[in-house]
Amino acid sequence: MTTNLTIRRATPQDTPVIHGLIRGLAEYEKRPQDMTATVEQLRHWLFERMAAGVLIAEIDGSAVGYALYYPIFGSFAAAGRIYLEDLFVKDEYRGNGFGRTLFMQVAEIAAKEGYSGMEWSCLDWNKPSIEFYNKLGAATESGRVHFDFDKAAMDAVCNACGTVGNTTDSPS
């Protein structure tokens, strides 16, 4: 492993770099068409709204990977966990332990901040990542189905319920 790898928390000035790394992940996942985020949207959500944290892995000041994570809450345990949304290392830097180091940094942040664990998902065809997570000791969860709502579906449900723009503090 190269000894000059550094991992640091991203700053607003890093937003264009983060944007490029996310584009790299979208290409790796064979979904470049899904990368619609703009630099401005990322800056807003990451640094104004503080919706997620980002770590950047660098070699000699050049970004080689990143991890993006955010807190989630489990009601049964009344405990917070970290959701690891993205973990990505550029192809030419894989196999050097950089992904492991990034992952461990997120785990360390979660532990230091009092979270009870981490969770994430992985595309079922991504065998190298699945093997990577298995080697780390991660467990898969059976008995769950992942669901997703895009904005159009969310708006359709809200419109059907008559709740768009009519939010209250308690459910109807």
N, C-alpha and C. Protein backbone atom coordinates (compact mmCIF):
# COMPACT_ATOMS: atom_id res chain seq x y z
N MET A 1 0.84 -1.18 0.00
CA MET A 1 0.00 0.00 0.00
C MET A 1 0.89 1.25 0.00
N THR A 2 0.51 2.24 -0.79
CA THR A 2 1.25 3.49 -0.84
C THR A 2 1.12 4.20 0.50
N THR A 3 2.23 4.70 1.02
CA THR A 3 2.20 5.32 2.34
C THR A 3 1.71 6.75 2.31
N ASN A 4 1.61 7.36 1.14
CA ASN A 4 1.18 8.76 1.09
C ASN A 4 -0.32 8.92 0.85
N LEU A 5 -1.11 7.87 1.14
CA LEU A 5 -2.56 7.98 1.08
C LEU A 5 -3.04 8.78 2.27
N THR A 6 -3.87 9.78 2.01
CA THR A 6 -4.50 10.52 3.09
C THR A 6 -6.01 10.47 2.88
N ILE A 7 -6.72 10.46 3.98
CA ILE A 7 -8.18 10.51 3.94
C ILE A 7 -8.61 11.68 4.80
N ARG A 8 -9.48 12.50 4.22
CA ARG A 8 -9.93 13.70 4.94
C ARG A 8 -11.40 13.94 4.65
N ARG A 9 -12.01 14.72 5.55
CA ARG A 9 -13.39 15.13 5.32
C ARG A 9 -13.42 16.16 4.20
N ALA A 10 -14.42 16.03 3.36
CA ALA A 10 -14.57 16.96 2.24
C ALA A 10 -15.04 18.32 2.73
N THR A 11 -14.71 19.34 1.96
CA THR A 11 -15.15 20.71 2.21
C THR A 11 -15.97 21.18 1.01
N PRO A 12 -16.67 22.29 1.14
CA PRO A 12 -17.43 22.79 -0.01
C PRO A 12 -16.59 22.99 -1.27
N GLN A 13 -15.31 23.32 -1.10
CA GLN A 13 -14.44 23.53 -2.25
C GLN A 13 -14.18 22.22 -3.01
N ASP A 14 -14.43 21.09 -2.37
CA ASP A 14 -14.23 19.78 -2.99
C ASP A 14 -15.41 19.33 -3.85
N THR A 15 -16.48 20.10 -3.89
CA THR A 15 -17.69 19.65 -4.58
C THR A 15 -17.43 19.24 -6.02
N PRO A 16 -16.67 19.98 -6.83
CA PRO A 16 -16.42 19.50 -8.20
C PRO A 16 -15.68 18.15 -8.23
N VAL A 17 -14.78 17.93 -7.29
CA VAL A 17 -14.06 16.66 -7.21
C VAL A 17 -15.03 15.54 -6.84
N ILE A 18 -15.89 15.80 -5.86
CA ILE A 18 -16.89 14.80 -5.46
C ILE A 18 -17.79 14.47 -6.65
N HIS A 19 -18.20 15.48 -7.37
CA HIS A 19 -19.03 15.29 -8.56
C HIS A 19 -18.36 14.35 -9.55
N GLY A 20 -17.08 14.57 -9.79
CA GLY A 20 -16.33 13.71 -10.72
C GLY A 20 -16.20 12.28 -10.21
N LEU A 21 -16.00 12.11 -8.91
CA LEU A 21 -15.90 10.78 -8.34
C LEU A 21 -17.23 10.04 -8.41
N ILE A 22 -18.32 10.76 -8.16
CA ILE A 22 -19.65 10.13 -8.27
C ILE A 22 -19.90 9.72 -9.71
N ARG A 23 -19.48 10.54 -10.65
CA ARG A 23 -19.61 10.17 -12.07
C ARG A 23 -18.81 8.89 -12.35
N GLY A 24 -17.64 8.79 -11.76
CA GLY A 24 -16.85 7.57 -11.92
C GLY A 24 -17.56 6.34 -11.36
N LEU A 25 -18.21 6.49 -10.22
CA LEU A 25 -18.98 5.38 -9.65
C LEU A 25 -20.14 5.01 -10.56
N ALA A 26 -20.85 6.01 -11.09
CA ALA A 26 -21.99 5.74 -11.99
C ALA A 26 -21.52 4.98 -13.22
N GLU A 27 -20.37 5.33 -13.74
CA GLU A 27 -19.83 4.62 -14.90
C GLU A 27 -19.45 3.18 -14.53
N TYR A 28 -18.82 3.00 -13.37
CA TYR A 28 -18.45 1.67 -12.91
C TYR A 28 -19.69 0.79 -12.75
N GLU A 29 -20.76 1.37 -12.24
CA GLU A 29 -22.01 0.62 -12.02
C GLU A 29 -22.84 0.47 -13.29
N LYS A 30 -22.28 0.91 -14.41
CA LYS A 30 -22.95 0.82 -15.72
C LYS A 30 -24.26 1.60 -15.73
N ARG A 31 -24.26 2.75 -15.04
CA ARG A 31 -25.45 3.59 -14.95
C ARG A 31 -25.10 5.07 -15.16
N PRO A 32 -24.28 5.40 -16.15
CA PRO A 32 -23.89 6.81 -16.31
C PRO A 32 -25.09 7.71 -16.57
N GLN A 33 -26.15 7.17 -17.19
CA GLN A 33 -27.35 7.96 -17.47
C GLN A 33 -28.07 8.40 -16.19
N ASP A 34 -27.83 7.69 -15.09
CA ASP A 34 -28.48 8.04 -13.83
C ASP A 34 -27.77 9.17 -13.08
N MET A 35 -26.58 9.52 -13.52
CA MET A 35 -25.82 10.59 -12.87
C MET A 35 -26.34 11.93 -13.38
N THR A 36 -27.33 12.47 -12.69
CA THR A 36 -27.95 13.73 -13.09
C THR A 36 -27.62 14.86 -12.14
N ALA A 37 -26.93 14.57 -11.05
CA ALA A 37 -26.61 15.60 -10.06
C ALA A 37 -25.71 16.67 -10.67
N THR A 38 -25.95 17.91 -10.28
CA THR A 38 -25.06 19.00 -10.66
C THR A 38 -24.14 19.33 -9.49
N VAL A 39 -23.08 20.03 -9.77
CA VAL A 39 -22.18 20.48 -8.71
C VAL A 39 -22.96 21.33 -7.71
N GLU A 40 -23.83 22.19 -8.21
CA GLU A 40 -24.60 23.07 -7.33
C GLU A 40 -25.53 22.28 -6.42
N GLN A 41 -26.20 21.25 -6.98
CA GLN A 41 -27.09 20.41 -6.14
C GLN A 41 -26.29 19.69 -5.07
N LEU A 42 -25.13 19.14 -5.43
CA LEU A 42 -24.30 18.47 -4.43
C LEU A 42 -23.86 19.43 -3.34
N ARG A 43 -23.43 20.61 -3.72
CA ARG A 43 -22.99 21.60 -2.73
C ARG A 43 -24.14 21.92 -1.77
N HIS A 44 -25.34 22.11 -2.32
CA HIS A 44 -26.51 22.41 -1.49
C HIS A 44 -26.79 21.29 -0.49
N TRP A 45 -26.90 20.04 -0.97
CA TRP A 45 -27.29 18.93 -0.11
C TRP A 45 -26.18 18.50 0.84
N LEU A 46 -24.93 18.56 0.38
CA LEU A 46 -23.83 18.09 1.23
C LEU A 46 -23.35 19.14 2.23
N PHE A 47 -23.34 20.41 1.83
CA PHE A 47 -22.70 21.41 2.67
C PHE A 47 -23.63 22.49 3.21
N GLU A 48 -24.77 22.71 2.58
CA GLU A 48 -25.74 23.64 3.14
C GLU A 48 -26.75 22.89 4.00
N ARG A 49 -27.32 21.83 3.46
CA ARG A 49 -28.28 21.01 4.20
C ARG A 49 -27.58 19.98 5.10
N MET A 50 -26.33 19.70 4.83
CA MET A 50 -25.52 18.73 5.58
C MET A 50 -26.24 17.38 5.67
N ALA A 51 -26.76 16.92 4.53
CA ALA A 51 -27.51 15.67 4.47
C ALA A 51 -26.61 14.44 4.54
N ALA A 52 -25.33 14.59 4.25
CA ALA A 52 -24.42 13.46 4.25
C ALA A 52 -23.00 13.95 4.50
N GLY A 53 -22.17 13.04 4.92
CA GLY A 53 -20.75 13.32 5.08
C GLY A 53 -19.98 12.67 3.94
N VAL A 54 -18.85 13.25 3.60
CA VAL A 54 -18.01 12.71 2.53
C VAL A 54 -16.56 12.69 3.00
N LEU A 55 -15.92 11.55 2.78
CA LEU A 55 -14.48 11.44 2.97
C LEU A 55 -13.84 11.30 1.60
N ILE A 56 -12.72 11.95 1.42
CA ILE A 56 -11.98 11.87 0.17
C ILE A 56 -10.63 11.22 0.44
N ALA A 57 -10.30 10.23 -0.38
CA ALA A 57 -8.98 9.58 -0.31
C ALA A 57 -8.10 10.23 -1.37
N GLU A 58 -6.90 10.63 -0.95
CA GLU A 58 -5.99 11.32 -1.86
C GLU A 58 -4.60 10.70 -1.81
N ILE A 59 -3.94 10.77 -2.95
CA ILE A 59 -2.52 10.45 -3.03
C ILE A 59 -1.85 11.69 -3.59
N ASP A 60 -0.92 12.22 -2.85
CA ASP A 60 -0.19 13.43 -3.24
C ASP A 60 -1.16 14.55 -3.66
N GLY A 61 -2.26 14.69 -2.94
CA GLY A 61 -3.22 15.76 -3.19
C GLY A 61 -4.20 15.50 -4.31
N SER A 62 -4.14 14.34 -4.94
CA SER A 62 -5.05 14.00 -6.03
C SER A 62 -6.06 12.97 -5.54
N ALA A 63 -7.35 13.25 -5.76
CA ALA A 63 -8.42 12.36 -5.28
C ALA A 63 -8.40 11.04 -6.03
N VAL A 64 -8.42 9.93 -5.27
CA VAL A 64 -8.44 8.59 -5.85
C VAL A 64 -9.68 7.81 -5.45
N GLY A 65 -10.46 8.35 -4.52
CA GLY A 65 -11.66 7.67 -4.09
C GLY A 65 -12.43 8.50 -3.08
N TYR A 66 -13.60 7.99 -2.71
CA TYR A 66 -14.43 8.69 -1.72
C TYR A 66 -15.40 7.73 -1.05
N ALA A 67 -15.92 8.16 0.07
CA ALA A 67 -17.01 7.48 0.76
C ALA A 67 -18.04 8.54 1.11
N LEU A 68 -19.31 8.23 0.88
CA LEU A 68 -20.41 9.14 1.21
C LEU A 68 -21.36 8.38 2.12
N TYR A 69 -21.71 8.98 3.26
CA TYR A 69 -22.50 8.29 4.27
C TYR A 69 -23.43 9.28 4.97
N TYR A 70 -24.47 8.73 5.61
CA TYR A 70 -25.40 9.59 6.36
C TYR A 70 -26.05 8.78 7.47
N PRO A 71 -26.57 9.47 8.50
CA PRO A 71 -27.20 8.75 9.61
C PRO A 71 -28.61 8.27 9.26
N ILE A 72 -28.95 7.12 9.82
CA ILE A 72 -30.31 6.59 9.75
C ILE A 72 -30.70 6.17 11.17
N PHE A 73 -31.98 5.93 11.38
CA PHE A 73 -32.46 5.61 12.72
C PHE A 73 -33.29 4.34 12.70
N GLY A 74 -33.02 3.44 13.64
CA GLY A 74 -33.79 2.21 13.79
C GLY A 74 -34.69 2.32 15.00
N SER A 75 -35.98 2.30 14.77
CA SER A 75 -36.94 2.50 15.86
C SER A 75 -36.95 1.33 16.85
N PHE A 76 -36.80 0.09 16.39
CA PHE A 76 -36.87 -1.05 17.31
C PHE A 76 -35.78 -0.97 18.37
N ALA A 77 -34.59 -0.57 17.98
CA ALA A 77 -33.47 -0.49 18.91
C ALA A 77 -33.28 0.93 19.45
N ALA A 78 -34.04 1.88 18.92
CA ALA A 78 -33.85 3.30 19.28
C ALA A 78 -32.38 3.66 19.19
N ALA A 79 -31.80 3.35 18.03
CA ALA A 79 -30.37 3.59 17.84
C ALA A 79 -30.11 4.10 16.43
N GLY A 80 -29.14 4.97 16.35
CA GLY A 80 -28.71 5.47 15.06
C GLY A 80 -27.66 4.57 14.45
N ARG A 81 -27.67 4.51 13.14
CA ARG A 81 -26.67 3.76 12.37
C ARG A 81 -26.19 4.66 11.24
N ILE A 82 -25.14 4.26 10.60
CA ILE A 82 -24.64 4.98 9.43
C ILE A 82 -25.02 4.19 8.20
N TYR A 83 -25.56 4.88 7.19
CA TYR A 83 -25.80 4.25 5.90
C TYR A 83 -24.68 4.68 4.97
N LEU A 84 -23.93 3.71 4.48
CA LEU A 84 -22.84 3.97 3.54
C LEU A 84 -23.43 3.96 2.14
N GLU A 85 -23.65 5.13 1.60
CA GLU A 85 -24.27 5.27 0.28
C GLU A 85 -23.30 4.92 -0.83
N ASP A 86 -22.07 5.43 -0.74
CA ASP A 86 -21.08 5.21 -1.79
C ASP A 86 -19.73 4.90 -1.16
N LEU A 87 -19.04 3.95 -1.75
CA LEU A 87 -17.64 3.67 -1.46
C LEU A 87 -17.00 3.37 -2.81
N PHE A 88 -16.09 4.23 -3.24
CA PHE A 88 -15.55 4.12 -4.59
C PHE A 88 -14.08 4.48 -4.61
N VAL A 89 -13.31 3.65 -5.29
CA VAL A 89 -11.90 3.92 -5.55
C VAL A 89 -11.71 3.78 -7.06
N LYS A 90 -11.02 4.74 -7.65
CA LYS A 90 -10.75 4.69 -9.09
C LYS A 90 -10.06 3.38 -9.45
N ASP A 91 -10.41 2.86 -10.61
CA ASP A 91 -9.95 1.55 -11.06
C ASP A 91 -8.44 1.37 -10.92
N GLU A 92 -7.67 2.35 -11.33
CA GLU A 92 -6.21 2.19 -11.34
C GLU A 92 -5.60 2.17 -9.93
N TYR A 93 -6.41 2.46 -8.90
CA TYR A 93 -5.92 2.45 -7.52
C TYR A 93 -6.48 1.30 -6.69
N ARG A 94 -7.32 0.46 -7.31
CA ARG A 94 -7.90 -0.67 -6.58
C ARG A 94 -6.83 -1.72 -6.31
N GLY A 95 -7.09 -2.50 -5.26
CA GLY A 95 -6.17 -3.58 -4.91
C GLY A 95 -5.02 -3.15 -4.02
N ASN A 96 -5.04 -1.90 -3.58
CA ASN A 96 -3.98 -1.37 -2.72
C ASN A 96 -4.43 -1.15 -1.28
N GLY A 97 -5.68 -1.55 -0.97
CA GLY A 97 -6.18 -1.37 0.39
C GLY A 97 -6.85 -0.02 0.62
N PHE A 98 -6.98 0.79 -0.42
CA PHE A 98 -7.57 2.12 -0.24
C PHE A 98 -9.05 2.05 0.11
N GLY A 99 -9.79 1.14 -0.54
CA GLY A 99 -11.20 0.96 -0.23
C GLY A 99 -11.39 0.52 1.21
N ARG A 100 -10.56 -0.40 1.64
CA ARG A 100 -10.61 -0.87 3.03
C ARG A 100 -10.34 0.28 4.00
N THR A 101 -9.35 1.08 3.67
CA THR A 101 -9.00 2.20 4.54
C THR A 101 -10.15 3.20 4.61
N LEU A 102 -10.77 3.50 3.47
CA LEU A 102 -11.93 4.40 3.46
C LEU A 102 -13.07 3.82 4.30
N PHE A 103 -13.36 2.53 4.07
CA PHE A 103 -14.42 1.87 4.82
C PHE A 103 -14.16 1.95 6.32
N MET A 104 -12.93 1.64 6.72
CA MET A 104 -12.58 1.66 8.14
C MET A 104 -12.69 3.06 8.74
N GLN A 105 -12.40 4.08 7.94
CA GLN A 105 -12.55 5.45 8.43
C GLN A 105 -14.02 5.77 8.71
N VAL A 106 -14.91 5.33 7.82
CA VAL A 106 -16.34 5.54 8.06
C VAL A 106 -16.77 4.78 9.31
N ALA A 107 -16.31 3.53 9.46
CA ALA A 107 -16.64 2.74 10.65
C ALA A 107 -16.13 3.43 11.92
N GLU A 108 -14.94 4.00 11.85
CA GLU A 108 -14.38 4.69 13.01
C GLU A 108 -15.21 5.93 13.36
N ILE A 109 -15.63 6.68 12.36
CA ILE A 109 -16.50 7.84 12.60
C ILE A 109 -17.79 7.38 13.26
N ALA A 110 -18.39 6.32 12.72
CA ALA A 110 -19.64 5.80 13.28
C ALA A 110 -19.45 5.42 14.75
N ALA A 111 -18.37 4.72 15.06
CA ALA A 111 -18.12 4.30 16.44
C ALA A 111 -17.88 5.49 17.35
N LYS A 112 -17.06 6.42 16.91
CA LYS A 112 -16.74 7.59 17.75
C LYS A 112 -17.96 8.46 18.00
N GLU A 113 -18.88 8.51 17.03
CA GLU A 113 -20.06 9.36 17.17
C GLU A 113 -21.23 8.62 17.83
N GLY A 114 -21.01 7.38 18.26
CA GLY A 114 -22.00 6.65 19.03
C GLY A 114 -23.04 5.88 18.23
N TYR A 115 -22.81 5.70 16.94
CA TYR A 115 -23.75 4.92 16.13
C TYR A 115 -23.59 3.44 16.46
N SER A 116 -24.67 2.68 16.31
CA SER A 116 -24.65 1.27 16.70
C SER A 116 -24.19 0.34 15.58
N GLY A 117 -23.98 0.85 14.38
CA GLY A 117 -23.54 0.01 13.28
C GLY A 117 -23.64 0.74 11.97
N MET A 118 -23.42 -0.02 10.90
CA MET A 118 -23.47 0.53 9.54
C MET A 118 -24.28 -0.41 8.67
N GLU A 119 -24.83 0.12 7.62
CA GLU A 119 -25.47 -0.72 6.61
C GLU A 119 -25.29 -0.07 5.25
N TRP A 120 -25.46 -0.89 4.22
CA TRP A 120 -25.28 -0.43 2.85
C TRP A 120 -25.87 -1.50 1.93
N SER A 121 -25.92 -1.20 0.66
CA SER A 121 -26.33 -2.19 -0.31
C SER A 121 -25.28 -2.26 -1.41
N CYS A 122 -25.36 -3.31 -2.19
CA CYS A 122 -24.40 -3.53 -3.26
C CYS A 122 -25.14 -4.17 -4.41
N LEU A 123 -24.83 -3.78 -5.62
CA LEU A 123 -25.47 -4.40 -6.78
C LEU A 123 -25.12 -5.88 -6.82
N ASP A 124 -26.12 -6.71 -7.13
CA ASP A 124 -25.92 -8.16 -7.05
C ASP A 124 -24.91 -8.70 -8.05
N TRP A 125 -24.61 -7.98 -9.11
CA TRP A 125 -23.62 -8.43 -10.10
C TRP A 125 -22.20 -8.03 -9.72
N ASN A 126 -22.05 -7.17 -8.72
CA ASN A 126 -20.75 -6.62 -8.37
C ASN A 126 -19.98 -7.58 -7.45
N LYS A 127 -19.52 -8.67 -8.03
CA LYS A 127 -18.85 -9.73 -7.26
C LYS A 127 -17.59 -9.23 -6.52
N PRO A 128 -16.75 -8.39 -7.13
CA PRO A 128 -15.57 -7.93 -6.38
C PRO A 128 -15.95 -7.18 -5.09
N SER A 129 -16.99 -6.35 -5.15
CA SER A 129 -17.41 -5.62 -3.95
C SER A 129 -18.04 -6.55 -2.93
N ILE A 130 -18.83 -7.51 -3.40
CA ILE A 130 -19.44 -8.47 -2.48
C ILE A 130 -18.35 -9.26 -1.76
N GLU A 131 -17.34 -9.71 -2.48
CA GLU A 131 -16.22 -10.41 -1.86
C GLU A 131 -15.49 -9.52 -0.86
N PHE A 132 -15.29 -8.26 -1.23
CA PHE A 132 -14.64 -7.28 -0.35
C PHE A 132 -15.40 -7.17 0.97
N TYR A 133 -16.73 -6.99 0.89
CA TYR A 133 -17.54 -6.83 2.11
C TYR A 133 -17.57 -8.11 2.92
N ASN A 134 -17.61 -9.26 2.25
CA ASN A 134 -17.59 -10.53 2.97
C ASN A 134 -16.28 -10.70 3.73
N LYS A 135 -15.16 -10.30 3.11
CA LYS A 135 -13.86 -10.39 3.79
C LYS A 135 -13.80 -9.50 5.02
N LEU A 136 -14.54 -8.41 4.99
CA LEU A 136 -14.58 -7.51 6.16
C LEU A 136 -15.45 -8.06 7.28
N GLY A 137 -16.22 -9.11 6.98
CA GLY A 137 -17.09 -9.70 7.99
C GLY A 137 -18.52 -9.19 7.95
N ALA A 138 -18.90 -8.53 6.87
CA ALA A 138 -20.26 -8.01 6.76
C ALA A 138 -21.25 -9.16 6.57
N ALA A 139 -22.44 -8.98 7.09
CA ALA A 139 -23.50 -9.97 6.96
C ALA A 139 -24.56 -9.45 6.00
N THR A 140 -25.15 -10.35 5.24
CA THR A 140 -26.27 -9.96 4.39
C THR A 140 -27.55 -10.19 5.18
N GLU A 141 -28.56 -9.43 4.84
CA GLU A 141 -29.83 -9.53 5.56
C GLU A 141 -30.86 -10.19 4.66
N SER A 142 -31.38 -11.29 5.12
CA SER A 142 -32.44 -11.95 4.35
C SER A 142 -33.79 -11.53 4.90
N GLY A 143 -34.80 -11.76 4.10
CA GLY A 143 -36.15 -11.44 4.55
C GLY A 143 -36.56 -10.00 4.29
N ARG A 144 -35.75 -9.28 3.54
CA ARG A 144 -36.08 -7.88 3.23
C ARG A 144 -36.05 -7.69 1.72
N VAL A 145 -36.91 -6.81 1.26
CA VAL A 145 -36.94 -6.42 -0.14
C VAL A 145 -36.71 -4.93 -0.19
N HIS A 146 -35.79 -4.50 -1.01
CA HIS A 146 -35.48 -3.08 -1.15
C HIS A 146 -36.51 -2.43 -2.08
N PHE A 147 -37.10 -1.32 -1.63
CA PHE A 147 -38.04 -0.55 -2.45
C PHE A 147 -37.46 0.81 -2.74
N ASP A 148 -37.95 1.42 -3.81
CA ASP A 148 -37.44 2.73 -4.22
C ASP A 148 -38.60 3.52 -4.81
N PHE A 149 -38.67 4.78 -4.45
CA PHE A 149 -39.66 5.71 -5.00
C PHE A 149 -38.91 6.84 -5.67
N ASP A 150 -39.12 7.08 -6.95
CA ASP A 150 -38.53 8.26 -7.56
C ASP A 150 -39.48 9.44 -7.33
N LYS A 151 -39.08 10.61 -7.73
CA LYS A 151 -39.88 11.82 -7.47
C LYS A 151 -41.25 11.72 -8.10
N ALA A 152 -41.34 11.19 -9.31
CA ALA A 152 -42.65 11.08 -9.98
C ALA A 152 -43.59 10.17 -9.20
N ALA A 153 -43.09 9.05 -8.71
CA ALA A 153 -43.93 8.14 -7.92
C ALA A 153 -44.34 8.78 -6.60
N MET A 154 -43.41 9.48 -5.97
CA MET A 154 -43.70 10.15 -4.71
C MET A 154 -44.76 11.23 -4.92
N ASP A 155 -44.61 12.03 -5.97
CA ASP A 155 -45.59 13.07 -6.27
C ASP A 155 -46.96 12.47 -6.58
N ALA A 156 -46.98 11.34 -7.30
CA ALA A 156 -48.26 10.70 -7.64
C ALA A 156 -48.98 10.24 -6.38
N VAL A 157 -48.25 9.65 -5.44
CA VAL A 157 -48.87 9.22 -4.18
C VAL A 157 -49.38 10.43 -3.39
N CYS A 158 -48.56 11.47 -3.33
CA CYS A 158 -48.97 12.67 -2.60
C CYS A 158 -50.19 13.32 -3.25
N ASN A 159 -50.21 13.37 -4.56
CA ASN A 159 -51.36 13.95 -5.26
C ASN A 159 -52.61 13.11 -5.03
N ALA A 160 -52.47 11.79 -5.05
CA ALA A 160 -53.61 10.91 -4.83
C ALA A 160 -54.19 11.07 -3.42
N CYS A 161 -53.31 11.39 -2.48
CA CYS A 161 -53.75 11.58 -1.10
C CYS A 161 -54.14 13.02 -0.81
N GLY A 162 -53.88 13.90 -1.78
CA GLY A 162 -54.18 15.32 -1.58
C GLY A 162 -53.28 15.98 -0.57
N THR A 163 -52.04 15.50 -0.45
CA THR A 163 -51.15 16.04 0.58
C THR A 163 -50.04 16.94 0.06
N VAL A 164 -49.90 17.08 -1.25
CA VAL A 164 -48.83 17.92 -1.78
C VAL A 164 -49.05 19.35 -1.31
N GLY A 165 -48.03 19.90 -0.66
CA GLY A 165 -48.11 21.27 -0.17
C GLY A 165 -49.05 21.44 1.02
N ASN A 166 -49.50 20.34 1.60
CA ASN A 166 -50.45 20.40 2.70
C ASN A 166 -49.94 19.57 3.87
N THR A 167 -48.69 19.81 4.25
CA THR A 167 -48.04 19.01 5.29
C THR A 167 -48.49 19.47 6.68
N THR A 168 -48.73 18.49 7.54
CA THR A 168 -49.05 18.77 8.94
C THR A 168 -48.06 18.06 9.82
N ASP A 169 -48.10 18.32 11.10
CA ASP A 169 -47.18 17.68 12.04
C ASP A 169 -47.54 16.23 12.32
N SER A 170 -48.76 15.83 12.06
CA SER A 170 -49.14 14.45 12.31
C SER A 170 -49.76 13.85 11.05
N PRO A 171 -49.65 12.53 10.90
CA PRO A 171 -50.21 11.89 9.71
C PRO A 171 -51.74 11.97 9.71
N SER A 172 -52.32 11.97 8.53
CA SER A 172 -53.77 12.04 8.40
C SER A 172 -54.40 10.70 8.69
